[in-house]
């Protein structure tokens, strides 16, 4: 099976990300909403990646339709530049 990998750094809406947002917001002395808005403002789509988008990408890559993708990293970032 070809190597395929999904990299989701676009803060998908999960309980884990809620904790991360809270920690960063508290450290910066701002509200959670302000921190999330700050991060989303750095993306081209101006919103977080959804869990459904990650799941749909995984399903596509695992399907026959995704068989042409080999050694590929799918960056689901909502346009956020991550190095």
PDB file of N, CA and C in Angstrom:
ATOM      1  N   UNK A   1       0.851  -1.178   0.000  1.00  0.00           N
ATOM      2  CA  UNK A   1       0.000   0.000   0.000  1.00  0.00           C
ATOM      3  C   UNK A   1       0.898   1.242   0.000  1.00  0.00           C
ATOM      4  N   UNK A   2       0.595   2.228  -0.829  1.00  0.00           N
ATOM      5  CA  UNK A   2       1.385   3.453  -0.869  1.00  0.00           C
ATOM      6  C   UNK A   2       1.295   4.221   0.448  1.00  0.00           C
ATOM      7  N   UNK A   3       2.347   4.932   0.731  1.00  0.00           N
ATOM      8  CA  UNK A   3       2.371   5.746   1.946  1.00  0.00           C
ATOM      9  C   UNK A   3       1.558   7.008   1.713  1.00  0.00           C
ATOM     10  N   UNK A   4       0.603   7.243   2.600  1.00  0.00           N
ATOM     11  CA  UNK A   4      -0.201   8.464   2.564  1.00  0.00           C
ATOM     12  C   UNK A   4      -0.318   8.959   3.989  1.00  0.00           C
ATOM     13  N   UNK A   5      -0.302  10.247   4.147  1.00  0.00           N
ATOM     14  CA  UNK A   5      -0.379  10.804   5.498  1.00  0.00           C
ATOM     15  C   UNK A   5      -1.222  12.065   5.467  1.00  0.00           C
ATOM     16  N   UNK A   6      -1.979  12.276   6.534  1.00  0.00           N
ATOM     17  CA  UNK A   6      -2.778  13.488   6.667  1.00  0.00           C
ATOM     18  C   UNK A   6      -2.190  14.306   7.799  1.00  0.00           C
ATOM     19  N   UNK A   7      -1.941  15.558   7.520  1.00  0.00           N
ATOM     20  CA  UNK A   7      -1.438  16.481   8.532  1.00  0.00           C
ATOM     21  C   UNK A   7      -2.509  17.540   8.740  1.00  0.00           C
ATOM     22  N   UNK A   8      -3.142  17.508   9.883  1.00  0.00           N
ATOM     23  CA  UNK A   8      -4.195  18.477  10.165  1.00  0.00           C
ATOM     24  C   UNK A   8      -3.739  19.407  11.271  1.00  0.00           C
ATOM     25  N   UNK A   9      -3.304  20.562  10.882  1.00  0.00           N
ATOM     26  CA  UNK A   9      -2.866  21.552  11.862  1.00  0.00           C
ATOM     27  C   UNK A   9      -3.802  22.744  11.867  1.00  0.00           C
ATOM     28  N   UNK A  10      -4.952  22.565  11.268  1.00  0.00           N
ATOM     29  CA  UNK A  10      -5.921  23.649  11.177  1.00  0.00           C
ATOM     30  C   UNK A  10      -6.883  23.688  12.341  1.00  0.00           C
ATOM     31  N   UNK A  11      -6.498  23.156  13.475  1.00  0.00           N
ATOM     32  CA  UNK A  11      -7.289  23.165  14.700  1.00  0.00           C
ATOM     33  C   UNK A  11      -8.677  22.574  14.498  1.00  0.00           C
ATOM     34  N   UNK A  12      -8.769  21.277  14.133  1.00  0.00           N
ATOM     35  CA  UNK A  12     -10.100  20.692  14.004  1.00  0.00           C
ATOM     36  C   UNK A  12     -10.854  20.778  15.319  1.00  0.00           C
ATOM     37  N   UNK A  13     -12.139  20.939  15.232  1.00  0.00           N
ATOM     38  CA  UNK A  13     -12.969  21.175  16.415  1.00  0.00           C
ATOM     39  C   UNK A  13     -13.117  19.889  17.226  1.00  0.00           C
ATOM     40  N   UNK A  14     -12.232  19.700  18.214  1.00  0.00           N
ATOM     41  CA  UNK A  14     -12.268  18.530  19.090  1.00  0.00           C
ATOM     42  C   UNK A  14     -12.092  18.980  20.535  1.00  0.00           C
ATOM     43  N   UNK A  15     -12.346  18.074  21.473  1.00  0.00           N
ATOM     44  CA  UNK A  15     -12.160  18.400  22.888  1.00  0.00           C
ATOM     45  C   UNK A  15     -10.698  18.714  23.184  1.00  0.00           C
ATOM     46  N   UNK A  16      -9.786  18.004  22.538  1.00  0.00           N
ATOM     47  CA  UNK A  16      -8.359  18.255  22.754  1.00  0.00           C
ATOM     48  C   UNK A  16      -7.989  19.669  22.334  1.00  0.00           C
ATOM     49  N   UNK A  17      -8.481  20.102  21.196  1.00  0.00           N
ATOM     50  CA  UNK A  17      -8.183  21.450  20.719  1.00  0.00           C
ATOM     51  C   UNK A  17      -8.803  22.484  21.641  1.00  0.00           C
ATOM     52  N   UNK A  18      -9.978  22.198  22.193  1.00  0.00           N
ATOM     53  CA  UNK A  18     -10.593  23.124  23.151  1.00  0.00           C
ATOM     54  C   UNK A  18      -9.667  23.364  24.339  1.00  0.00           C
ATOM     55  N   UNK A  19      -9.011  22.306  24.814  1.00  0.00           N
ATOM     56  CA  UNK A  19      -8.066  22.436  25.933  1.00  0.00           C
ATOM     57  C   UNK A  19      -6.859  23.262  25.508  1.00  0.00           C
ATOM     58  N   UNK A  20      -6.334  23.000  24.318  1.00  0.00           N
ATOM     59  CA  UNK A  20      -5.174  23.748  23.811  1.00  0.00           C
ATOM     60  C   UNK A  20      -5.517  25.226  23.667  1.00  0.00           C
ATOM     61  N   UNK A  21      -6.684  25.511  23.119  1.00  0.00           N
ATOM     62  CA  UNK A  21      -7.124  26.904  22.966  1.00  0.00           C
ATOM     63  C   UNK A  21      -7.200  27.581  24.324  1.00  0.00           C
ATOM     64  N   UNK A  22      -7.784  26.895  25.299  1.00  0.00           N
ATOM     65  CA  UNK A  22      -7.916  27.468  26.644  1.00  0.00           C
ATOM     66  C   UNK A  22      -6.549  27.758  27.256  1.00  0.00           C
ATOM     67  N   UNK A  23      -5.610  26.836  27.113  1.00  0.00           N
ATOM     68  CA  UNK A  23      -4.267  27.032  27.678  1.00  0.00           C
ATOM     69  C   UNK A  23      -3.560  28.230  27.048  1.00  0.00           C
ATOM     70  N   UNK A  24      -3.615  28.316  25.724  1.00  0.00           N
ATOM     71  CA  UNK A  24      -2.960  29.435  25.037  1.00  0.00           C
ATOM     72  C   UNK A  24      -3.645  30.760  25.354  1.00  0.00           C
ATOM     73  N   UNK A  25      -4.963  30.755  25.383  1.00  0.00           N
ATOM     74  CA  UNK A  25      -5.704  31.986  25.689  1.00  0.00           C
ATOM     75  C   UNK A  25      -5.370  32.470  27.093  1.00  0.00           C
ATOM     76  N   UNK A  26      -5.372  31.548  28.055  1.00  0.00           N
ATOM     77  CA  UNK A  26      -5.040  31.922  29.432  1.00  0.00           C
ATOM     78  C   UNK A  26      -3.622  32.474  29.523  1.00  0.00           C
ATOM     79  N   UNK A  27      -2.687  31.838  28.825  1.00  0.00           N
ATOM     80  CA  UNK A  27      -1.295  32.293  28.850  1.00  0.00           C
ATOM     81  C   UNK A  27      -1.144  33.686  28.251  1.00  0.00           C
ATOM     82  N   UNK A  28      -1.991  34.004  27.268  1.00  0.00           N
ATOM     83  CA  UNK A  28      -1.921  35.309  26.614  1.00  0.00           C
ATOM     84  C   UNK A  28      -2.806  36.347  27.294  1.00  0.00           C
ATOM     85  N   UNK A  29      -3.617  35.915  28.262  1.00  0.00           N
ATOM     86  CA  UNK A  29      -4.496  36.847  28.959  1.00  0.00           C
ATOM     87  C   UNK A  29      -5.664  37.326  28.119  1.00  0.00           C
ATOM     88  N   UNK A  30      -6.134  36.468  27.212  1.00  0.00           N
ATOM     89  CA  UNK A  30      -7.276  36.815  26.365  1.00  0.00           C
ATOM     90  C   UNK A  30      -8.323  35.710  26.493  1.00  0.00           C
ATOM     91  N   UNK A  31      -9.507  35.956  25.943  1.00  0.00           N
ATOM     92  CA  UNK A  31     -10.559  34.940  26.002  1.00  0.00           C
ATOM     93  C   UNK A  31     -10.282  33.841  24.980  1.00  0.00           C
ATOM     94  N   UNK A  32     -10.951  32.730  25.176  1.00  0.00           N
ATOM     95  CA  UNK A  32     -10.820  31.615  24.233  1.00  0.00           C
ATOM     96  C   UNK A  32     -11.303  32.027  22.849  1.00  0.00           C
ATOM     97  N   UNK A  33     -12.393  32.772  22.823  1.00  0.00           N
ATOM     98  CA  UNK A  33     -12.938  33.229  21.543  1.00  0.00           C
ATOM     99  C   UNK A  33     -11.951  34.146  20.825  1.00  0.00           C
ATOM    100  N   UNK A  34     -11.280  35.019  21.592  1.00  0.00           N
ATOM    101  CA  UNK A  34     -10.295  35.918  20.989  1.00  0.00           C
ATOM    102  C   UNK A  34      -9.126  35.125  20.417  1.00  0.00           C
ATOM    103  N   UNK A  35      -8.659  34.113  21.161  1.00  0.00           N
ATOM    104  CA  UNK A  35      -7.536  33.317  20.668  1.00  0.00           C
ATOM    105  C   UNK A  35      -7.931  32.546  19.418  1.00  0.00           C
ATOM    106  N   UNK A  36      -9.097  31.915  19.447  1.00  0.00           N
ATOM    107  CA  UNK A  36      -9.539  31.160  18.277  1.00  0.00           C
ATOM    108  C   UNK A  36      -9.710  32.096  17.083  1.00  0.00           C
ATOM    109  N   UNK A  37     -10.268  33.277  17.304  1.00  0.00           N
ATOM    110  CA  UNK A  37     -10.401  34.253  16.228  1.00  0.00           C
ATOM    111  C   UNK A  37      -9.055  34.691  15.685  1.00  0.00           C
ATOM    112  N   UNK A  38      -8.066  34.830  16.573  1.00  0.00           N
ATOM    113  CA  UNK A  38      -6.705  35.198  16.169  1.00  0.00           C
ATOM    114  C   UNK A  38      -6.129  34.139  15.234  1.00  0.00           C
ATOM    115  N   UNK A  39      -6.247  32.869  15.621  1.00  0.00           N
ATOM    116  CA  UNK A  39      -5.702  31.784  14.804  1.00  0.00           C
ATOM    117  C   UNK A  39      -6.478  31.652  13.500  1.00  0.00           C
ATOM    118  N   UNK A  40      -7.796  31.690  13.571  1.00  0.00           N
ATOM    119  CA  UNK A  40      -8.601  31.574  12.357  1.00  0.00           C
ATOM    120  C   UNK A  40      -8.343  32.741  11.413  1.00  0.00           C
ATOM    121  N   UNK A  41      -8.007  33.900  11.960  1.00  0.00           N
ATOM    122  CA  UNK A  41      -7.690  35.059  11.138  1.00  0.00           C
ATOM    123  C   UNK A  41      -6.425  34.882  10.320  1.00  0.00           C
ATOM    124  N   UNK A  42      -5.594  33.916  10.713  1.00  0.00           N
ATOM    125  CA  UNK A  42      -4.360  33.641   9.970  1.00  0.00           C
ATOM    126  C   UNK A  42      -4.580  32.621   8.856  1.00  0.00           C
ATOM    127  N   UNK A  43      -5.798  32.104   8.713  1.00  0.00           N
ATOM    128  CA  UNK A  43      -6.079  31.125   7.668  1.00  0.00           C
ATOM    129  C   UNK A  43      -6.774  31.805   6.503  1.00  0.00           C
ATOM    130  N   UNK A  44      -6.634  31.223   5.338  1.00  0.00           N
ATOM    131  CA  UNK A  44      -7.283  31.780   4.148  1.00  0.00           C
ATOM    132  C   UNK A  44      -8.796  31.628   4.205  1.00  0.00           C
ATOM    133  N   UNK A  45      -9.256  30.582   4.882  1.00  0.00           N
ATOM    134  CA  UNK A  45     -10.694  30.307   4.924  1.00  0.00           C
ATOM    135  C   UNK A  45     -11.376  30.962   6.110  1.00  0.00           C
ATOM    136  N   UNK A  46     -10.596  31.513   7.026  1.00  0.00           N
ATOM    137  CA  UNK A  46     -11.108  32.228   8.206  1.00  0.00           C
ATOM    138  C   UNK A  46     -11.998  31.344   9.090  1.00  0.00           C
ATOM    139  N   UNK A  47     -11.635  30.061   9.184  1.00  0.00           N
ATOM    140  CA  UNK A  47     -12.357  29.144  10.058  1.00  0.00           C
ATOM    141  C   UNK A  47     -11.473  27.940  10.348  1.00  0.00           C
ATOM    142  N   UNK A  48     -11.888  27.168  11.335  1.00  0.00           N
ATOM    143  CA  UNK A  48     -11.155  25.961  11.697  1.00  0.00           C
ATOM    144  C   UNK A  48     -11.479  24.829  10.731  1.00  0.00           C
ATOM    145  N   UNK A  49     -10.554  23.895  10.635  1.00  0.00           N
ATOM    146  CA  UNK A  49     -10.797  22.659   9.905  1.00  0.00           C
ATOM    147  C   UNK A  49     -11.790  21.833  10.713  1.00  0.00           C
ATOM    148  N   UNK A  50     -12.700  21.172  10.047  1.00  0.00           N
ATOM    149  CA  UNK A  50     -13.667  20.349  10.772  1.00  0.00           C
ATOM    150  C   UNK A  50     -13.201  18.897  10.820  1.00  0.00           C
ATOM    151  N   UNK A  51     -13.696  18.179  11.805  1.00  0.00           N
ATOM    152  CA  UNK A  51     -13.391  16.755  11.918  1.00  0.00           C
ATOM    153  C   UNK A  51     -13.908  16.026  10.677  1.00  0.00           C
ATOM    154  N   UNK A  52     -15.049  16.452  10.160  1.00  0.00           N
ATOM    155  CA  UNK A  52     -15.615  15.836   8.949  1.00  0.00           C
ATOM    156  C   UNK A  52     -14.668  15.999   7.764  1.00  0.00           C
ATOM    157  N   UNK A  53     -14.017  17.153   7.637  1.00  0.00           N
ATOM    158  CA  UNK A  53     -13.071  17.363   6.537  1.00  0.00           C
ATOM    159  C   UNK A  53     -11.882  16.417   6.646  1.00  0.00           C
ATOM    160  N   UNK A  54     -11.407  16.193   7.865  1.00  0.00           N
ATOM    161  CA  UNK A  54     -10.298  15.257   8.073  1.00  0.00           C
ATOM    162  C   UNK A  54     -10.757  13.842   7.716  1.00  0.00           C
ATOM    163  N   UNK A  55     -11.942  13.460   8.181  1.00  0.00           N
ATOM    164  CA  UNK A  55     -12.471  12.118   7.907  1.00  0.00           C
ATOM    165  C   UNK A  55     -12.698  11.898   6.413  1.00  0.00           C
ATOM    166  N   UNK A  56     -13.238  12.897   5.736  1.00  0.00           N
ATOM    167  CA  UNK A  56     -13.486  12.770   4.297  1.00  0.00           C
ATOM    168  C   UNK A  56     -12.186  12.627   3.521  1.00  0.00           C
ATOM    169  N   UNK A  57     -11.159  13.344   3.937  1.00  0.00           N
ATOM    170  CA  UNK A  57      -9.860  13.239   3.278  1.00  0.00           C
ATOM    171  C   UNK A  57      -9.258  11.860   3.506  1.00  0.00           C
ATOM    172  N   UNK A  58      -9.346  11.363   4.744  1.00  0.00           N
ATOM    173  CA  UNK A  58      -8.829  10.025   5.049  1.00  0.00           C
ATOM    174  C   UNK A  58      -9.559   8.963   4.232  1.00  0.00           C
ATOM    175  N   UNK A  59     -10.879   9.090   4.143  1.00  0.00           N
ATOM    176  CA  UNK A  59     -11.667   8.123   3.370  1.00  0.00           C
ATOM    177  C   UNK A  59     -11.284   8.170   1.896  1.00  0.00           C
ATOM    178  N   UNK A  60     -11.085   9.355   1.362  1.00  0.00           N
ATOM    179  CA  UNK A  60     -10.683   9.495  -0.038  1.00  0.00           C
ATOM    180  C   UNK A  60      -9.327   8.846  -0.273  1.00  0.00           C
ATOM    181  N   UNK A  61      -8.351   9.142   0.588  1.00  0.00           N
ATOM    182  CA  UNK A  61      -7.011   8.590   0.395  1.00  0.00           C
ATOM    183  C   UNK A  61      -6.988   7.073   0.546  1.00  0.00           C
ATOM    184  N   UNK A  62      -7.877   6.535   1.372  1.00  0.00           N
ATOM    185  CA  UNK A  62      -7.933   5.088   1.575  1.00  0.00           C
ATOM    186  C   UNK A  62      -8.714   4.374   0.471  1.00  0.00           C
ATOM    187  N   UNK A  63      -9.437   5.133  -0.321  1.00  0.00           N
ATOM    188  CA  UNK A  63     -10.273   4.535  -1.365  1.00  0.00           C
ATOM    189  C   UNK A  63      -9.487   4.328  -2.656  1.00  0.00           C
ATOM    190  N   UNK A  64     -10.109   3.634  -3.589  1.00  0.00           N
ATOM    191  CA  UNK A  64      -9.503   3.456  -4.908  1.00  0.00           C
ATOM    192  C   UNK A  64      -9.316   4.789  -5.617  1.00  0.00           C
ATOM    193  N   UNK A  65     -10.206   5.747  -5.340  1.00  0.00           N
ATOM    194  CA  UNK A  65     -10.080   7.063  -5.978  1.00  0.00           C
ATOM    195  C   UNK A  65      -8.807   7.776  -5.550  1.00  0.00           C
ATOM    196  N   UNK A  66      -8.286   7.451  -4.376  1.00  0.00           N
ATOM    197  CA  UNK A  66      -7.065   8.081  -3.889  1.00  0.00           C
ATOM    198  C   UNK A  66      -5.812   7.292  -4.201  1.00  0.00           C
ATOM    199  N   UNK A  67      -5.947   6.252  -5.017  1.00  0.00           N
ATOM    200  CA  UNK A  67      -4.811   5.366  -5.276  1.00  0.00           C
ATOM    201  C   UNK A  67      -3.669   6.045  -6.021  1.00  0.00           C
ATOM    202  N   UNK A  68      -3.939   7.146  -6.670  1.00  0.00           N
ATOM    203  CA  UNK A  68      -2.883   7.858  -7.385  1.00  0.00           C
ATOM    204  C   UNK A  68      -1.983   8.684  -6.483  1.00  0.00           C
ATOM    205  N   UNK A  69      -2.382   8.852  -5.241  1.00  0.00           N
ATOM    206  CA  UNK A  69      -1.585   9.620  -4.290  1.00  0.00           C
ATOM    207  C   UNK A  69      -0.622   8.676  -3.588  1.00  0.00           C
ATOM    208  N   UNK A  70       0.663   8.876  -3.807  1.00  0.00           N
ATOM    209  CA  UNK A  70       1.677   8.057  -3.141  1.00  0.00           C
ATOM    210  C   UNK A  70       2.725   8.974  -2.542  1.00  0.00           C
ATOM    211  N   UNK A  71       3.161   8.644  -1.334  1.00  0.00           N
ATOM    212  CA  UNK A  71       4.168   9.467  -0.667  1.00  0.00           C
ATOM    213  C   UNK A  71       3.707  10.893  -0.474  1.00  0.00           C
ATOM    214  N   UNK A  72       2.418  11.077  -0.297  1.00  0.00           N
ATOM    215  CA  UNK A  72       1.820  12.400  -0.239  1.00  0.00           C
ATOM    216  C   UNK A  72       1.393  12.758   1.174  1.00  0.00           C
ATOM    217  N   UNK A  73       1.579  14.016   1.532  1.00  0.00           N
ATOM    218  CA  UNK A  73       1.063  14.537   2.793  1.00  0.00           C
ATOM    219  C   UNK A  73      -0.066  15.496   2.450  1.00  0.00           C
ATOM    220  N   UNK A  74      -1.253  15.220   2.952  1.00  0.00           N
ATOM    221  CA  UNK A  74      -2.395  16.111   2.743  1.00  0.00           C
ATOM    222  C   UNK A  74      -2.439  17.079   3.920  1.00  0.00           C
ATOM    223  N   UNK A  75      -2.128  18.328   3.672  1.00  0.00           N
ATOM    224  CA  UNK A  75      -2.121  19.346   4.726  1.00  0.00           C
ATOM    225  C   UNK A  75      -3.503  19.976   4.851  1.00  0.00           C
ATOM    226  N   UNK A  76      -4.222  19.608   5.892  1.00  0.00           N
ATOM    227  CA  UNK A  76      -5.548  20.174   6.140  1.00  0.00           C
ATOM    228  C   UNK A  76      -5.391  21.283   7.167  1.00  0.00           C
ATOM    229  N   UNK A  77      -5.125  22.456   6.676  1.00  0.00           N
ATOM    230  CA  UNK A  77      -4.810  23.569   7.570  1.00  0.00           C
ATOM    231  C   UNK A  77      -5.751  24.744   7.418  1.00  0.00           C
ATOM    232  N   UNK A  78      -6.695  24.669   6.510  1.00  0.00           N
ATOM    233  CA  UNK A  78      -7.568  25.805   6.260  1.00  0.00           C
ATOM    234  C   UNK A  78      -6.808  26.992   5.683  1.00  0.00           C
ATOM    235  N   UNK A  79      -5.611  26.720   5.191  1.00  0.00           N
ATOM    236  CA  UNK A  79      -4.781  27.784   4.630  1.00  0.00           C
ATOM    237  C   UNK A  79      -3.757  28.329   5.596  1.00  0.00           C
ATOM    238  N   UNK A  80      -3.729  27.816   6.829  1.00  0.00           N
ATOM    239  CA  UNK A  80      -2.740  28.250   7.811  1.00  0.00           C
ATOM    240  C   UNK A  80      -1.365  27.769   7.368  1.00  0.00           C
ATOM    241  N   UNK A  81      -0.407  28.655   7.319  1.00  0.00           N
ATOM    242  CA  UNK A  81       0.950  28.296   6.920  1.00  0.00           C
ATOM    243  C   UNK A  81       1.665  27.709   8.126  1.00  0.00           C
ATOM    244  N   UNK A  82       2.044  26.442   8.022  1.00  0.00           N
ATOM    245  CA  UNK A  82       2.712  25.748   9.116  1.00  0.00           C
ATOM    246  C   UNK A  82       3.983  25.126   8.574  1.00  0.00           C
ATOM    247  N   UNK A  83       5.089  25.429   9.200  1.00  0.00           N
ATOM    248  CA  UNK A  83       6.369  24.831   8.774  1.00  0.00           C
ATOM    249  C   UNK A  83       6.761  23.703   9.681  1.00  0.00           C
TER     250      UNK A  83
END
